[in-house]
C-alpha atoms as a PDB file:
ATOM      1  CA  MET A   1       0.000   0.000   0.000  1.00  0.00           C
ATOM      2  CA  ARG A   2       1.391   3.392  -1.001  1.00  0.00           C
ATOM      3  CA  LYS A   3       1.011   6.235   1.524  1.00  0.00           C
ATOM      4  CA  SER A   4       0.067   9.664   0.275  1.00  0.00           C
ATOM      5  CA  PRO A   5       2.703  12.415   0.622  1.00  0.00           C
ATOM      6  CA  THR A   6       0.249  14.437   2.732  1.00  0.00           C
ATOM      7  CA  LEU A   7      -0.039  11.652   5.304  1.00  0.00           C
ATOM      8  CA  VAL A   8       3.740  11.253   5.478  1.00  0.00           C
ATOM      9  CA  TRP A   9       4.209  15.003   6.066  1.00  0.00           C
ATOM     10  CA  LEU A  10       1.460  15.026   8.689  1.00  0.00           C
ATOM     11  CA  LEU A  11       3.063  12.134  10.577  1.00  0.00           C
ATOM     12  CA  LEU A  12       6.468  13.822  10.371  1.00  0.00           C
ATOM     13  CA  ALA A  13       5.035  17.089  11.713  1.00  0.00           C
ATOM     14  CA  ILE A  14       3.368  15.284  14.624  1.00  0.00           C
ATOM     15  CA  ALA A  15       6.615  13.499  15.454  1.00  0.00           C
ATOM     16  CA  LEU A  16       8.549  16.790  15.392  1.00  0.00           C
ATOM     17  CA  VAL A  17       6.035  18.549  17.647  1.00  0.00           C
ATOM     18  CA  PHE A  18       6.070  15.639  20.092  1.00  0.00           C
ATOM     19  CA  GLY A  19       9.885  15.569  20.118  1.00  0.00           C
ATOM     20  CA  TRP A  20      10.090  19.344  20.657  1.00  0.00           C
ATOM     21  CA  ARG A  21       7.667  19.166  23.594  1.00  0.00           C
ATOM     22  CA  GLN A  22       9.661  16.322  25.140  1.00  0.00           C
ATOM     23  CA  LEU A  23      12.865  18.329  24.781  1.00  0.00           C
ATOM     24  CA  GLN A  24      11.257  21.373  26.420  1.00  0.00           C
ATOM     25  CA  THR A  25       9.899  19.274  29.273  1.00  0.00           C
ATOM     26  CA  ASN A  26      13.276  17.655  29.911  1.00  0.00           C
ATOM     27  CA  THR A  27      15.093  21.012  29.740  1.00  0.00           C
ATOM     28  CA  SER A  28      12.769  22.757  32.183  1.00  0.00           C
ATOM     29  CA  ALA A  29      12.914  19.823  34.595  1.00  0.00           C
ATOM     30  CA  SER A  30      16.690  20.211  34.849  1.00  0.00           C
ATOM     31  CA  THR A  31      16.571  24.002  35.285  1.00  0.00           C
ATOM     32  CA  PRO A  32      17.795  24.998  38.736  1.00  0.00           C
ATOM     33  CA  ASP A  33      15.228  26.593  41.054  1.00  0.00           C
ATOM     34  CA  TRP A  34      17.135  29.866  41.302  1.00  0.00           C
ATOM     35  CA  ILE A  35      16.531  30.596  37.599  1.00  0.00           C
ATOM     36  CA  ASN A  36      12.800  30.960  38.238  1.00  0.00           C
ATOM     37  CA  ALA A  37      13.115  32.733  41.587  1.00  0.00           C
ATOM     38  CA  SER A  38      11.987  36.063  43.031  1.00  0.00           C
ATOM     39  CA  ALA A  39      11.365  39.565  41.693  1.00  0.00           C
ATOM     40  CA  ASP A  40      13.834  42.423  41.485  1.00  0.00           C
ATOM     41  CA  VAL A  41      13.377  46.005  42.642  1.00  0.00           C
ATOM     42  CA  ALA A  42      13.929  47.395  39.129  1.00  0.00           C
ATOM     43  CA  ASN A  43      11.458  44.912  37.691  1.00  0.00           C
ATOM     44  CA  PRO A  44       8.636  44.393  40.224  1.00  0.00           C
ATOM     45  CA  ALA A  45       7.004  41.693  38.113  1.00  0.00           C
ATOM     46  CA  GLY A  46      10.233  39.709  38.327  1.00  0.00           C
ATOM     47  CA  VAL A  47      10.203  38.931  34.618  1.00  0.00           C
ATOM     48  CA  GLY A  48      13.505  37.223  33.838  1.00  0.00           C
ATOM     49  CA  ILE A  49      15.502  38.908  36.598  1.00  0.00           C
ATOM     50  CA  THR A  50      16.457  36.267  39.087  1.00  0.00           C
ATOM     51  CA  PRO A  51      19.119  35.661  41.687  1.00  0.00           C
ATOM     52  CA  ALA A  52      22.491  34.406  40.528  1.00  0.00           C
ATOM     53  CA  PRO A  53      24.010  31.592  42.537  1.00  0.00           C
ATOM     54  CA  ARG A  54      26.079  32.883  45.421  1.00  0.00           C
ATOM     55  CA  ALA A  55      29.777  32.200  45.382  1.00  0.00           C
ATOM     56  CA  ASP A  56      31.423  31.050  48.579  1.00  0.00           C
ATOM     57  CA  PRO A  57      33.070  34.271  49.838  1.00  0.00           C
ATOM     58  CA  ALA A  58      35.843  32.270  51.517  1.00  0.00           C
ATOM     59  CA  SER A  59      36.843  30.718  48.184  1.00  0.00           C
ATOM     60  CA  ARG A  60      37.912  33.945  46.507  1.00  0.00           C
ATOM     61  CA  PRO A  61      39.481  37.299  47.327  1.00  0.00           C
ATOM     62  CA  PRO A  62      37.000  40.093  48.030  1.00  0.00           C
ATOM     63  CA  SER A  63      36.242  42.616  45.286  1.00  0.00           C
ATOM     64  CA  PRO A  64      35.959  45.986  47.015  1.00  0.00           C
ATOM     65  CA  GLY A  65      32.667  47.689  46.230  1.00  0.00           C
ATOM     66  CA  LEU A  66      31.137  44.683  44.445  1.00  0.00           C
ATOM     67  CA  PRO A  67      28.522  42.227  45.730  1.00  0.00           C
ATOM     68  CA  ASP A  68      29.737  38.784  46.747  1.00  0.00           C
ATOM     69  CA  PHE A  69      27.625  36.937  44.147  1.00  0.00           C
ATOM     70  CA  LEU A  70      29.865  38.235  41.334  1.00  0.00           C
ATOM     71  CA  PRO A  71      32.788  36.021  40.297  1.00  0.00           C
ATOM     72  CA  PRO A  72      36.232  37.465  41.047  1.00  0.00           C
ATOM     73  CA  GLU A  73      36.853  38.126  37.321  1.00  0.00           C
ATOM     74  CA  ALA A  74      33.962  40.620  37.287  1.00  0.00           C
ATOM     75  CA  GLY A  75      36.005  43.171  39.237  1.00  0.00           C
ATOM     76  CA  GLU A  76      38.388  43.764  36.324  1.00  0.00           C
ATOM     77  CA  VAL A  77      35.482  43.909  33.856  1.00  0.00           C
ATOM     78  CA  VAL A  78      33.707  46.553  35.966  1.00  0.00           C
ATOM     79  CA  SER A  79      36.940  48.580  36.141  1.00  0.00           C
ATOM     80  CA  ARG A  80      37.366  48.413  32.357  1.00  0.00           C
ATOM     81  CA  ILE A  81      33.741  49.469  31.804  1.00  0.00           C
ATOM     82  CA  ARG A  82      34.158  52.442  34.120  1.00  0.00           C
ATOM     83  CA  ARG A  83      37.422  53.452  32.367  1.00  0.00           C
ATOM     84  CA  GLY A  84      35.890  53.020  28.899  1.00  0.00           C
ATOM     85  CA  GLY A  85      38.129  50.095  27.929  1.00  0.00           C
ATOM     86  CA  PRO A  86      40.174  48.599  26.471  1.00  0.00           C
ATOM     87  CA  PHE A  87      38.216  45.364  26.183  1.00  0.00           C
ATOM     88  CA  PRO A  88      39.683  41.981  25.221  1.00  0.00           C
ATOM     89  CA  ASN A  89      36.641  40.848  23.204  1.00  0.00           C
ATOM     90  CA  ALA A  90      35.392  42.589  20.068  1.00  0.00           C
ATOM     91  CA  GLN A  91      31.788  42.117  21.246  1.00  0.00           C
ATOM     92  CA  ASP A  92      32.373  43.915  24.552  1.00  0.00           C
ATOM     93  CA  GLY A  93      30.589  47.244  24.615  1.00  0.00           C
ATOM     94  CA  SER A  94      28.202  46.236  21.837  1.00  0.00           C
ATOM     95  CA  VAL A  95      24.471  46.857  22.072  1.00  0.00           C
ATOM     96  CA  PHE A  96      22.506  44.275  24.049  1.00  0.00           C
ATOM     97  CA  GLY A  97      19.118  43.990  22.362  1.00  0.00           C
ATOM     98  CA  ASN A  98      17.082  42.639  25.323  1.00  0.00           C
ATOM     99  CA  TYR A  99      14.998  40.772  22.739  1.00  0.00           C
ATOM    100  CA  GLU A 100      13.601  38.370  25.327  1.00  0.00           C
ATOM    101  CA  GLY A 101      12.440  41.306  27.467  1.00  0.00           C
ATOM    102  CA  ARG A 102      14.084  40.034  30.643  1.00  0.00           C
ATOM    103  CA  LEU A 103      15.348  43.487  31.553  1.00  0.00           C
ATOM    104  CA  PRO A 104      13.174  46.595  31.887  1.00  0.00           C
ATOM    105  CA  ARG A 105      12.213  48.029  28.495  1.00  0.00           C
ATOM    106  CA  GLN A 106      14.495  50.804  27.262  1.00  0.00           C
ATOM    107  CA  PRO A 107      15.244  52.336  23.853  1.00  0.00           C
ATOM    108  CA  ARG A 108      17.570  50.346  21.598  1.00  0.00           C
ATOM    109  CA  GLY A 109      21.194  51.104  22.369  1.00  0.00           C
ATOM    110  CA  TRP A 110      20.634  51.799  26.070  1.00  0.00           C
ATOM    111  CA  TYR A 111      21.959  48.384  27.165  1.00  0.00           C
ATOM    112  CA  ARG A 112      25.559  47.277  26.519  1.00  0.00           C
ATOM    113  CA  GLU A 113      27.085  43.835  27.099  1.00  0.00           C
ATOM    114  CA  TYR A 114      30.498  42.774  28.395  1.00  0.00           C
ATOM    115  CA  THR A 115      32.139  39.366  28.806  1.00  0.00           C
ATOM    116  CA  VAL A 116      33.128  38.134  32.266  1.00  0.00           C
ATOM    117  CA  PRO A 117      35.922  35.613  31.583  1.00  0.00           C
ATOM    118  CA  THR A 118      35.567  32.059  32.860  1.00  0.00           C
ATOM    119  CA  PRO A 119      38.928  30.536  33.835  1.00  0.00           C
ATOM    120  CA  GLY A 120      39.820  27.449  31.852  1.00  0.00           C
ATOM    121  CA  LEU A 121      37.607  28.218  28.835  1.00  0.00           C
ATOM    122  CA  SER A 122      39.018  29.002  25.391  1.00  0.00           C
ATOM    123  CA  HIS A 123      35.830  30.862  24.367  1.00  0.00           C
ATOM    124  CA  ARG A 124      33.723  33.679  25.867  1.00  0.00           C
ATOM    125  CA  GLY A 125      31.636  31.397  28.067  1.00  0.00           C
ATOM    126  CA  THR A 126      28.212  32.343  29.452  1.00  0.00           C
ATOM    127  CA  ARG A 127      28.965  35.036  32.002  1.00  0.00           C
ATOM    128  CA  ARG A 128      28.066  38.630  31.113  1.00  0.00           C
ATOM    129  CA  ILE A 129      27.646  42.045  32.628  1.00  0.00           C
ATOM    130  CA  VAL A 130      24.977  44.191  30.988  1.00  0.00           C
ATOM    131  CA  THR A 131      24.899  47.908  31.725  1.00  0.00           C
ATOM    132  CA  GLY A 132      22.227  50.477  31.027  1.00  0.00           C
ATOM    133  CA  GLY A 133      22.944  54.078  30.119  1.00  0.00           C
ATOM    134  CA  THR A 134      26.073  55.984  29.160  1.00  0.00           C
ATOM    135  CA  PRO A 135      27.799  56.234  31.552  1.00  0.00           C
ATOM    136  CA  PRO A 136      26.271  53.133  33.143  1.00  0.00           C
ATOM    137  CA  GLN A 137      23.368  53.884  35.469  1.00  0.00           C
ATOM    138  CA  VAL A 138      22.287  50.288  36.081  1.00  0.00           C
ATOM    139  CA  TRP A 139      24.301  47.071  36.225  1.00  0.00           C
ATOM    140  CA  TYR A 140      23.167  43.462  35.704  1.00  0.00           C
ATOM    141  CA  TYR A 141      25.016  40.164  35.900  1.00  0.00           C
ATOM    142  CA  SER A 142      24.065  37.008  33.988  1.00  0.00           C
ATOM    143  CA  ALA A 143      25.822  33.738  34.779  1.00  0.00           C
ATOM    144  CA  ASP A 144      23.802  31.805  32.180  1.00  0.00           C
ATOM    145  CA  HIS A 145      24.042  33.756  28.913  1.00  0.00           C
ATOM    146  CA  TYR A 146      21.040  36.061  29.453  1.00  0.00           C
ATOM    147  CA  ARG A 147      18.587  33.429  30.749  1.00  0.00           C
ATOM    148  CA  SER A 148      18.515  35.255  34.094  1.00  0.00           C
ATOM    149  CA  PHE A 149      19.895  38.489  35.486  1.00  0.00           C
ATOM    150  CA  ARG A 150      20.746  39.890  38.867  1.00  0.00           C
ATOM    151  CA  ARG A 151      20.937  43.631  39.353  1.00  0.00           C
ATOM    152  CA  PHE A 152      23.799  45.084  41.361  1.00  0.00           C
ATOM    153  CA  ASP A 153      25.220  48.442  42.328  1.00  0.00           C
ATOM    154  CA  ILE A 154      28.814  49.540  42.556  1.00  0.00           C
ATOM    155  CA  GLU A 155      30.277  51.958  45.055  1.00  0.00           C
ATOM    156  CA  ASP A 156      31.520  55.292  43.797  1.00  0.00           C
ATOM    157  CA  ALA A 157      35.168  54.337  44.037  1.00  0.00           C
ATOM    158  CA  PRO A 158      37.596  55.464  41.334  1.00  0.00           C
ATOM    159  CA  PRO A 159      37.739  53.020  38.360  1.00  0.00           C
END
């Protein structure tokens, strides 16, 4: 018996939809709880802005003026941002589009992104600082390539 091309395409489409839903279910089941956590002051609805995992303060040197949830490499990145560079990655300082809407809505070009190096990686990794305004008025950290953000402030120390 010969199957019609329409039936074959329909069965293929159903299989793809089922597979996609299974993938989404498995991905969300392995997502850590902190990714879907509480709201942020700058975003009362809490849309996409969630706590970053806390680093063990005893395991790294303190970064004066920075919150303890930032990795130690973030201190140098913050200093470079405040000085206006230079930046080791060509993408650093480029416009962050906020296409997923996880940060408060602002005009295009208001947000800028910067790489926070991850020791041992030969590529940019997933850690970013996103700033808003020029000079930066707001600061966000993402440990998971923009899936979640945590807002932070820096003290008014010289860069």
